Every structure is written in structure tokens, then in C-alpha cells.
C-alpha atoms as a PDB file:
ATOM      1  CA  UNK A   1      79.149  89.288  81.514  1.00  0.00           C
ATOM      2  CA  UNK A   2      77.291  86.917  83.866  1.00  0.00           C
ATOM      3  CA  UNK A   3      78.392  83.290  84.000  1.00  0.00           C
ATOM      4  CA  UNK A   4      75.682  80.854  85.040  1.00  0.00           C
ATOM      5  CA  UNK A   5      77.799  77.739  85.540  1.00  0.00           C
ATOM      6  CA  UNK A   6      81.530  78.379  85.307  1.00  0.00           C
ATOM      7  CA  UNK A   7      83.644  75.347  86.229  1.00  0.00           C
ATOM      8  CA  UNK A   8      84.901  75.348  89.830  1.00  0.00           C
ATOM      9  CA  UNK A   9      88.548  76.018  90.558  1.00  0.00           C
ATOM     10  CA  UNK A  10      90.521  73.151  92.075  1.00  0.00           C
ATOM     11  CA  UNK A  11      91.085  74.384  95.616  1.00  0.00           C
ATOM     12  CA  UNK A  12      92.475  71.113  96.909  1.00  0.00           C
ATOM     13  CA  UNK A  13      91.196  69.050  99.809  1.00  0.00           C
ATOM     14  CA  UNK A  14      90.085  71.333 102.621  1.00  0.00           C
ATOM     15  CA  UNK A  15      88.967  70.643 106.166  1.00  0.00           C
ATOM     16  CA  UNK A  16      86.674  72.985 108.118  1.00  0.00           C
ATOM     17  CA  UNK A  17      85.678  73.209 111.751  1.00  0.00           C
ATOM     18  CA  UNK A  18      81.940  73.669 112.454  1.00  0.00           C
ATOM     19  CA  UNK A  19      80.944  77.302 111.958  1.00  0.00           C
ATOM     20  CA  UNK A  20      83.731  78.025 109.427  1.00  0.00           C
ATOM     21  CA  UNK A  21      82.758  79.081 105.907  1.00  0.00           C
ATOM     22  CA  UNK A  22      83.477  76.295 103.433  1.00  0.00           C
ATOM     23  CA  UNK A  23      84.283  77.200  99.787  1.00  0.00           C
ATOM     24  CA  UNK A  24      81.200  77.960  97.717  1.00  0.00           C
ATOM     25  CA  UNK A  25      80.381  79.693  94.424  1.00  0.00           C
ATOM     26  CA  UNK A  26      81.740  83.054  95.606  1.00  0.00           C
ATOM     27  CA  UNK A  27      85.032  81.423  96.608  1.00  0.00           C
ATOM     28  CA  UNK A  28      85.429  79.886  93.146  1.00  0.00           C
ATOM     29  CA  UNK A  29      84.544  83.169  91.422  1.00  0.00           C
ATOM     30  CA  UNK A  30      87.205  85.000  93.423  1.00  0.00           C
ATOM     31  CA  UNK A  31      89.668  82.147  92.837  1.00  0.00           C
ATOM     32  CA  UNK A  32      89.309  82.631  89.071  1.00  0.00           C
ATOM     33  CA  UNK A  33      90.007  86.344  89.522  1.00  0.00           C
ATOM     34  CA  UNK A  34      93.067  85.502  91.631  1.00  0.00           C
ATOM     35  CA  UNK A  35      94.451  83.192  88.957  1.00  0.00           C
ATOM     36  CA  UNK A  36      93.925  85.901  86.346  1.00  0.00           C
ATOM     37  CA  UNK A  37      96.193  88.213  88.358  1.00  0.00           C
ATOM     38  CA  UNK A  38      99.004  85.670  88.083  1.00  0.00           C
ATOM     39  CA  UNK A  39     100.508  85.853  91.604  1.00  0.00           C
ATOM     40  CA  UNK A  40     104.237  85.172  91.651  1.00  0.00           C
ATOM     41  CA  UNK A  41     106.996  84.474  94.154  1.00  0.00           C
ATOM     42  CA  UNK A  42     107.908  88.150  94.472  1.00  0.00           C
ATOM     43  CA  UNK A  43     104.393  89.172  95.562  1.00  0.00           C
ATOM     44  CA  UNK A  44     102.960  89.685  99.056  1.00  0.00           C
ATOM     45  CA  UNK A  45      99.317  88.585  99.210  1.00  0.00           C
ATOM     46  CA  UNK A  46      96.774  89.258 101.977  1.00  0.00           C
ATOM     47  CA  UNK A  47      93.578  87.214 102.358  1.00  0.00           C
ATOM     48  CA  UNK A  48      91.061  89.077 104.541  1.00  0.00           C
ATOM     49  CA  UNK A  49      88.233  87.002 106.076  1.00  0.00           C
ATOM     50  CA  UNK A  50      90.063  83.849 105.045  1.00  0.00           C
ATOM     51  CA  UNK A  51      87.607  81.270 106.418  1.00  0.00           C
ATOM     52  CA  UNK A  52      88.967  77.853 105.428  1.00  0.00           C
ATOM     53  CA  UNK A  53      92.072  79.464 103.915  1.00  0.00           C
ATOM     54  CA  UNK A  54      91.185  78.237 100.415  1.00  0.00           C
ATOM     55  CA  UNK A  55      92.193  81.431  98.604  1.00  0.00           C
ATOM     56  CA  UNK A  56      95.304  81.930 100.712  1.00  0.00           C
ATOM     57  CA  UNK A  57      96.442  78.409  99.820  1.00  0.00           C
ATOM     58  CA  UNK A  58      95.740  78.989  96.125  1.00  0.00           C
ATOM     59  CA  UNK A  59      97.974  82.073  96.218  1.00  0.00           C
ATOM     60  CA  UNK A  60     100.639  80.121  98.122  1.00  0.00           C
ATOM     61  CA  UNK A  61     100.560  77.367  95.497  1.00  0.00           C
ATOM     62  CA  UNK A  62     101.448  80.045  92.955  1.00  0.00           C
ATOM     63  CA  UNK A  63     104.530  80.841  95.036  1.00  0.00           C
ATOM     64  CA  UNK A  64     103.386  84.110  96.630  1.00  0.00           C
ATOM     65  CA  UNK A  65     104.169  85.116 100.200  1.00  0.00           C
ATOM     66  CA  UNK A  66     100.769  84.932 101.904  1.00  0.00           C
ATOM     67  CA  UNK A  67      99.201  86.295 105.068  1.00  0.00           C
ATOM     68  CA  UNK A  68      95.620  85.382 106.002  1.00  0.00           C
ATOM     69  CA  UNK A  69      93.352  87.004 108.600  1.00  0.00           C
ATOM     70  CA  UNK A  70      90.027  86.108 110.184  1.00  0.00           C
ATOM     71  CA  UNK A  71      88.176  87.341 113.256  1.00  0.00           C
ATOM     72  CA  UNK A  72      87.032  83.802 114.064  1.00  0.00           C
ATOM     73  CA  UNK A  73      89.468  81.665 116.050  1.00  0.00           C
ATOM     74  CA  UNK A  74      87.921  78.572 114.506  1.00  0.00           C
ATOM     75  CA  UNK A  75      88.642  79.951 111.044  1.00  0.00           C
ATOM     76  CA  UNK A  76      92.232  80.736 112.051  1.00  0.00           C
ATOM     77  CA  UNK A  77      92.725  77.174 113.310  1.00  0.00           C
ATOM     78  CA  UNK A  78      91.094  75.774 110.167  1.00  0.00           C
ATOM     79  CA  UNK A  79      93.276  77.821 107.824  1.00  0.00           C
ATOM     80  CA  UNK A  80      96.415  76.894 109.749  1.00  0.00           C
ATOM     81  CA  UNK A  81      95.520  73.206 109.621  1.00  0.00           C
ATOM     82  CA  UNK A  82      94.772  73.335 105.894  1.00  0.00           C
ATOM     83  CA  UNK A  83      98.072  75.093 105.215  1.00  0.00           C
ATOM     84  CA  UNK A  84      99.949  72.471 107.228  1.00  0.00           C
ATOM     85  CA  UNK A  85      98.157  69.601 105.496  1.00  0.00           C
ATOM     86  CA  UNK A  86      98.945  71.103 102.084  1.00  0.00           C
ATOM     87  CA  UNK A  87     102.567  71.798 102.997  1.00  0.00           C
ATOM     88  CA  UNK A  88     102.317  75.532 102.273  1.00  0.00           C
ATOM     89  CA  UNK A  89     103.727  78.347 104.355  1.00  0.00           C
ATOM     90  CA  UNK A  90     100.885  80.773 105.157  1.00  0.00           C
ATOM     91  CA  UNK A  91     100.945  83.233 108.059  1.00  0.00           C
ATOM     92  CA  UNK A  92      97.458  83.096 109.612  1.00  0.00           C
ATOM     93  CA  UNK A  93      96.479  85.789 112.115  1.00  0.00           C
ATOM     94  CA  UNK A  94      93.387  86.449 114.185  1.00  0.00           C
ATOM     95  CA  UNK A  95      91.992  89.963 113.973  1.00  0.00           C
ATOM     96  CA  UNK A  96      89.466  92.383 112.542  1.00  0.00           C
ATOM     97  CA  UNK A  97      89.966  92.862 108.791  1.00  0.00           C
ATOM     98  CA  UNK A  98      93.365  94.506 108.129  1.00  0.00           C
ATOM     99  CA  UNK A  99      93.977  95.454 111.764  1.00  0.00           C
ATOM    100  CA  UNK A 100      96.812  92.973 112.455  1.00  0.00           C
ATOM    101  CA  UNK A 101      98.801  94.148 109.401  1.00  0.00           C
ATOM    102  CA  UNK A 102      98.049  97.877 109.459  1.00  0.00           C
ATOM    103  CA  UNK A 103     101.763  98.735 109.243  1.00  0.00           C
ATOM    104  CA  UNK A 104     102.444  96.424 106.278  1.00  0.00           C
ATOM    105  CA  UNK A 105     101.836  96.778 102.526  1.00  0.00           C
ATOM    106  CA  UNK A 106     100.720  94.156 100.001  1.00  0.00           C
ATOM    107  CA  UNK A 107     100.738  93.675  96.240  1.00  0.00           C
ATOM    108  CA  UNK A 108      97.395  91.846  96.234  1.00  0.00           C
ATOM    109  CA  UNK A 109      94.508  91.743  98.703  1.00  0.00           C
ATOM    110  CA  UNK A 110      91.716  89.158  98.466  1.00  0.00           C
ATOM    111  CA  UNK A 111      88.498  89.332 100.427  1.00  0.00           C
ATOM    112  CA  UNK A 112      85.306  87.297 100.598  1.00  0.00           C
ATOM    113  CA  UNK A 113      83.742  88.959 103.650  1.00  0.00           C
ATOM    114  CA  UNK A 114      80.324  88.378 105.227  1.00  0.00           C
ATOM    115  CA  UNK A 115      77.779  90.124 102.958  1.00  0.00           C
ATOM    116  CA  UNK A 116      74.363  88.485 103.370  1.00  0.00           C
ATOM    117  CA  UNK A 117      71.744  91.044 104.482  1.00  0.00           C
ATOM    118  CA  UNK A 118      70.377  90.132 107.916  1.00  0.00           C
ATOM    119  CA  UNK A 119      67.579  91.634 110.022  1.00  0.00           C
ATOM    120  CA  UNK A 120      69.799  91.954 113.105  1.00  0.00           C
ATOM    121  CA  UNK A 121      72.200  94.900 112.968  1.00  0.00           C
ATOM    122  CA  UNK A 122      74.464  93.290 115.570  1.00  0.00           C
ATOM    123  CA  UNK A 123      77.347  90.984 114.664  1.00  0.00           C
ATOM    124  CA  UNK A 124      76.430  87.358 115.474  1.00  0.00           C
ATOM    125  CA  UNK A 125      78.064  86.028 118.613  1.00  0.00           C
ATOM    126  CA  UNK A 126      79.400  82.578 119.417  1.00  0.00           C
ATOM    127  CA  UNK A 127      80.679  80.058 116.900  1.00  0.00           C
ATOM    128  CA  UNK A 128      77.654  79.646 114.628  1.00  0.00           C
ATOM    129  CA  UNK A 129      77.943  79.657 110.850  1.00  0.00           C
ATOM    130  CA  UNK A 130      75.979  82.915 110.650  1.00  0.00           C
ATOM    131  CA  UNK A 131      79.164  84.748 111.690  1.00  0.00           C
ATOM    132  CA  UNK A 132      80.560  83.836 108.272  1.00  0.00           C
ATOM    133  CA  UNK A 133      77.800  85.508 106.276  1.00  0.00           C
ATOM    134  CA  UNK A 134      75.495  87.829 108.277  1.00  0.00           C
ATOM    135  CA  UNK A 135      76.374  91.485 107.592  1.00  0.00           C
ATOM    136  CA  UNK A 136      73.587  93.678 108.921  1.00  0.00           C
ATOM    137  CA  UNK A 137      70.440  94.963 107.161  1.00  0.00           C
ATOM    138  CA  UNK A 138      72.305  96.306 104.101  1.00  0.00           C
ATOM    139  CA  UNK A 139      74.864  93.506 103.926  1.00  0.00           C
ATOM    140  CA  UNK A 140      77.608  96.148 103.961  1.00  0.00           C
ATOM    141  CA  UNK A 141      78.816  96.110 107.566  1.00  0.00           C
ATOM    142  CA  UNK A 142      82.238  94.740 106.597  1.00  0.00           C
ATOM    143  CA  UNK A 143      82.260  95.765 102.938  1.00  0.00           C
ATOM    144  CA  UNK A 144      82.309  99.468 103.745  1.00  0.00           C
ATOM    145  CA  UNK A 145      85.163  99.058 106.209  1.00  0.00           C
ATOM    146  CA  UNK A 146      87.190  97.064 103.672  1.00  0.00           C
ATOM    147  CA  UNK A 147      86.653  99.810 101.093  1.00  0.00           C
ATOM    148  CA  UNK A 148      87.997 102.343 103.592  1.00  0.00           C
ATOM    149  CA  UNK A 149      90.943 100.313 104.898  1.00  0.00           C
ATOM    150  CA  UNK A 150      92.269  98.461 101.859  1.00  0.00           C
ATOM    151  CA  UNK A 151      94.035 101.457 100.245  1.00  0.00           C
ATOM    152  CA  UNK A 152      96.169 101.897 103.382  1.00  0.00           C
ATOM    153  CA  UNK A 153      97.717  98.434 103.072  1.00  0.00           C
ATOM    154  CA  UNK A 154      98.120  98.343  99.279  1.00  0.00           C
ATOM    155  CA  UNK A 155     101.415  99.149  97.613  1.00  0.00           C
ATOM    156  CA  UNK A 156     101.430 101.434  94.573  1.00  0.00           C
ATOM    157  CA  UNK A 157      99.890  99.480  91.693  1.00  0.00           C
ATOM    158  CA  UNK A 158      98.607  96.976  94.263  1.00  0.00           C
ATOM    159  CA  UNK A 159      95.268  95.306  93.588  1.00  0.00           C
ATOM    160  CA  UNK A 160      92.220  94.517  95.735  1.00  0.00           C
ATOM    161  CA  UNK A 161      89.920  91.678  94.606  1.00  0.00           C
ATOM    162  CA  UNK A 162      86.612  91.742  96.484  1.00  0.00           C
ATOM    163  CA  UNK A 163      83.609  89.446  96.000  1.00  0.00           C
ATOM    164  CA  UNK A 164      80.077  90.023  97.252  1.00  0.00           C
ATOM    165  CA  UNK A 165      76.415  89.708  96.365  1.00  0.00           C
ATOM    166  CA  UNK A 166      74.799  92.134  93.949  1.00  0.00           C
ATOM    167  CA  UNK A 167      72.152  92.619  96.634  1.00  0.00           C
ATOM    168  CA  UNK A 168      74.663  94.744  98.544  1.00  0.00           C
ATOM    169  CA  UNK A 169      75.077  97.183  95.663  1.00  0.00           C
ATOM    170  CA  UNK A 170      78.079  96.878  93.386  1.00  0.00           C
ATOM    171  CA  UNK A 171      77.816 100.578  92.512  1.00  0.00           C
ATOM    172  CA  UNK A 172      78.085 101.493  96.182  1.00  0.00           C
ATOM    173  CA  UNK A 173      81.302  99.496  96.437  1.00  0.00           C
ATOM    174  CA  UNK A 174      82.700 101.092  93.273  1.00  0.00           C
ATOM    175  CA  UNK A 175      81.843 104.565  94.552  1.00  0.00           C
ATOM    176  CA  UNK A 176      83.495 103.960  97.923  1.00  0.00           C
ATOM    177  CA  UNK A 177      86.658 102.487  96.416  1.00  0.00           C
ATOM    178  CA  UNK A 178      86.884 105.338  93.930  1.00  0.00           C
ATOM    179  CA  UNK A 179      86.499 107.819  96.774  1.00  0.00           C
ATOM    180  CA  UNK A 180      89.374 106.017  98.517  1.00  0.00           C
ATOM    181  CA  UNK A 181      91.597 106.775  95.533  1.00  0.00           C
ATOM    182  CA  UNK A 182      91.467 103.420  93.722  1.00  0.00           C
ATOM    183  CA  UNK A 183      90.707 102.686  90.070  1.00  0.00           C
ATOM    184  CA  UNK A 184      88.040 100.011  90.048  1.00  0.00           C
ATOM    185  CA  UNK A 185      85.601  98.004  87.945  1.00  0.00           C
ATOM    186  CA  UNK A 186      83.431  94.905  88.131  1.00  0.00           C
ATOM    187  CA  UNK A 187      85.520  92.195  86.448  1.00  0.00           C
ATOM    188  CA  UNK A 188      83.537  89.045  87.237  1.00  0.00           C
ATOM    189  CA  UNK A 189      79.913  88.068  87.583  1.00  0.00           C
ATOM    190  CA  UNK A 190      78.079  84.837  88.234  1.00  0.00           C
ATOM    191  CA  UNK A 191      74.432  83.956  88.730  1.00  0.00           C
ATOM    192  CA  UNK A 192      73.718  81.250  91.324  1.00  0.00           C
ATOM    193  CA  UNK A 193      70.517  79.756  92.771  1.00  0.00           C
ATOM    194  CA  UNK A 194      69.513  80.916  96.228  1.00  0.00           C
ATOM    195  CA  UNK A 195      71.065  78.778  98.935  1.00  0.00           C
ATOM    196  CA  UNK A 196      69.415  77.762 102.222  1.00  0.00           C
ATOM    197  CA  UNK A 197      70.169  81.057 104.018  1.00  0.00           C
ATOM    198  CA  UNK A 198      68.817  83.265 101.236  1.00  0.00           C
ATOM    199  CA  UNK A 199      65.793  81.007 100.756  1.00  0.00           C
ATOM    200  CA  UNK A 200      64.935  81.220 104.445  1.00  0.00           C
ATOM    201  CA  UNK A 201      65.119  85.038 104.313  1.00  0.00           C
ATOM    202  CA  UNK A 202      63.208  85.535 101.062  1.00  0.00           C
ATOM    203  CA  UNK A 203      60.098  87.061 102.714  1.00  0.00           C
ATOM    204  CA  UNK A 204      62.221  89.610 104.579  1.00  0.00           C
ATOM    205  CA  UNK A 205      64.441  90.355 101.546  1.00  0.00           C
ATOM    206  CA  UNK A 206      61.378  90.853  99.327  1.00  0.00           C
ATOM    207  CA  UNK A 207      59.700  93.070 101.911  1.00  0.00           C
ATOM    208  CA  UNK A 208      62.800  95.299 101.864  1.00  0.00           C
ATOM    209  CA  UNK A 209      62.808  95.412  98.073  1.00  0.00           C
ATOM    210  CA  UNK A 210      66.174  93.665  97.771  1.00  0.00           C
ATOM    211  CA  UNK A 211      64.735  90.766  95.764  1.00  0.00           C
ATOM    212  CA  UNK A 212      61.876  90.768  93.265  1.00  0.00           C
ATOM    213  CA  UNK A 213      58.823  88.552  93.638  1.00  0.00           C
ATOM    214  CA  UNK A 214      59.931  86.257  90.804  1.00  0.00           C
ATOM    215  CA  UNK A 215      63.691  86.264  91.424  1.00  0.00           C
ATOM    216  CA  UNK A 216      65.201  82.857  92.141  1.00  0.00           C
ATOM    217  CA  UNK A 217      68.910  83.552  91.610  1.00  0.00           C
ATOM    218  CA  UNK A 218      71.538  85.779  93.167  1.00  0.00           C
ATOM    219  CA  UNK A 219      74.223  87.625  91.239  1.00  0.00           C
ATOM    220  CA  UNK A 220      77.746  87.526  92.641  1.00  0.00           C
ATOM    221  CA  UNK A 221      80.274  90.156  91.583  1.00  0.00           C
ATOM    222  CA  UNK A 222      84.041  90.461  91.763  1.00  0.00           C
ATOM    223  CA  UNK A 223      85.370  93.998  91.975  1.00  0.00           C
ATOM    224  CA  UNK A 224      88.975  94.732  91.048  1.00  0.00           C
ATOM    225  CA  UNK A 225      90.448  97.919  92.476  1.00  0.00           C
ATOM    226  CA  UNK A 226      93.988  99.124  91.820  1.00  0.00           C
ATOM    227  CA  UNK A 227      95.986 101.723  93.691  1.00  0.00           C
ATOM    228  CA  UNK A 228      97.674 104.179  91.269  1.00  0.00           C
END
């Protein structure tokens, strides 16, 4: 079921350095999925591509033990500052996806990775905001790697919650997670107007057949995958 205007989740007061992804509609959609899981004090939670740390802090407010990771040093500093300001204990690490915690296992993994299709196949350099959303021509540069790596850091009956645009292909994500041995389904959907980045790229997206000539909204999806 697609929700056009679900109420935002209270993520608290957050501060972000320039170039760090601030909470948007996808963050709130994933936050609702996180709350539905009911994280508790006996759970270990991992937030991959944490950005501002909003989801990590939400899990920490529920009492969970939380680790957050981002490849951007500015995001790491932002998440650490937000955790300190909120008075929550969150371990924030710099690294590529699950790399820094490859030897650990978690009950719940959250991820809102870069997923916006971009003409340039290369990862953006520097500290610009495009690092937080550009994900190559298919939008799946990081999604596919998360699908491959997540099962290795999930405990039995552990859950992955992953949000991305429908433009990237929800079925592709489901197929990859299933091939990795997880039971998965789309559990959340939301339709949102195109933002500035998508609007700027409309000619290119339409030329590639990713968006129809009359489309003016983007569907976001949350995929829940559980390790048997």
C-alpha cells in the first residue's frame, strides 16, 4: 500500500554539517519501519550509511545498543555530535558499509544508502552533498553490495530494513536478498514529489526510461529481509 502523506516521525533536533544528508521522506519511512520492529535493550542495531545519525538515535532512544557507520568523515562527526547532544550512547565508525564490523553480528540492520541514479559511474569525490545520494547509472552501486554483505553480519532471525527509490528496482533488491538466503518482502511504500535533484535530472531519467513523460512523483520502498 502506498502512503502519499504519512506523518513524519519525531527524530528530535538534529544538526548537520554541509554535505551531510539531512532527514527526508525516506528517513521517516524507514523510521516507521524501525519503530514497528520494536527495538529493545537486549538488541544490537547497526545503522549503515548513517548520515546525520537520525535512525541510530531513534534506535538508541528505544534502549538498543547501536553502532552507526558512514564513509563520510563529515557524517561521522555529525552523527557523533547529534548523539552527544541527545545524551545517547552510539558507537559511530567511519568505513565502507559493513566493513568496520565484519566480525560482529547484529539483531537489526538499518540502511538508507545513496540510491539516486546518476550519469557518472564514479563515486563523487570531495565533501559535496551528491556523495549522499548519487549511486551510478542504475542507482544500485551501494544497494547491491548491501544485499551481498548484510547476511554476513545478521544473527539468526536478524532483520535488515532497507529503503530506496522504486526507480532502482524493488524486485532486483528482493531477488538479490533472496539469493543471499534471506526471507524478504516490501513492507512500506510512500509516494513523494520529485525533489530538486530528481527534477534537475528528469531529462536524463526520462531518456533512460526510468521515469515516464507524465510522472511527477517518486515511489519509495522499505524492504524487510530476515535471516532464517
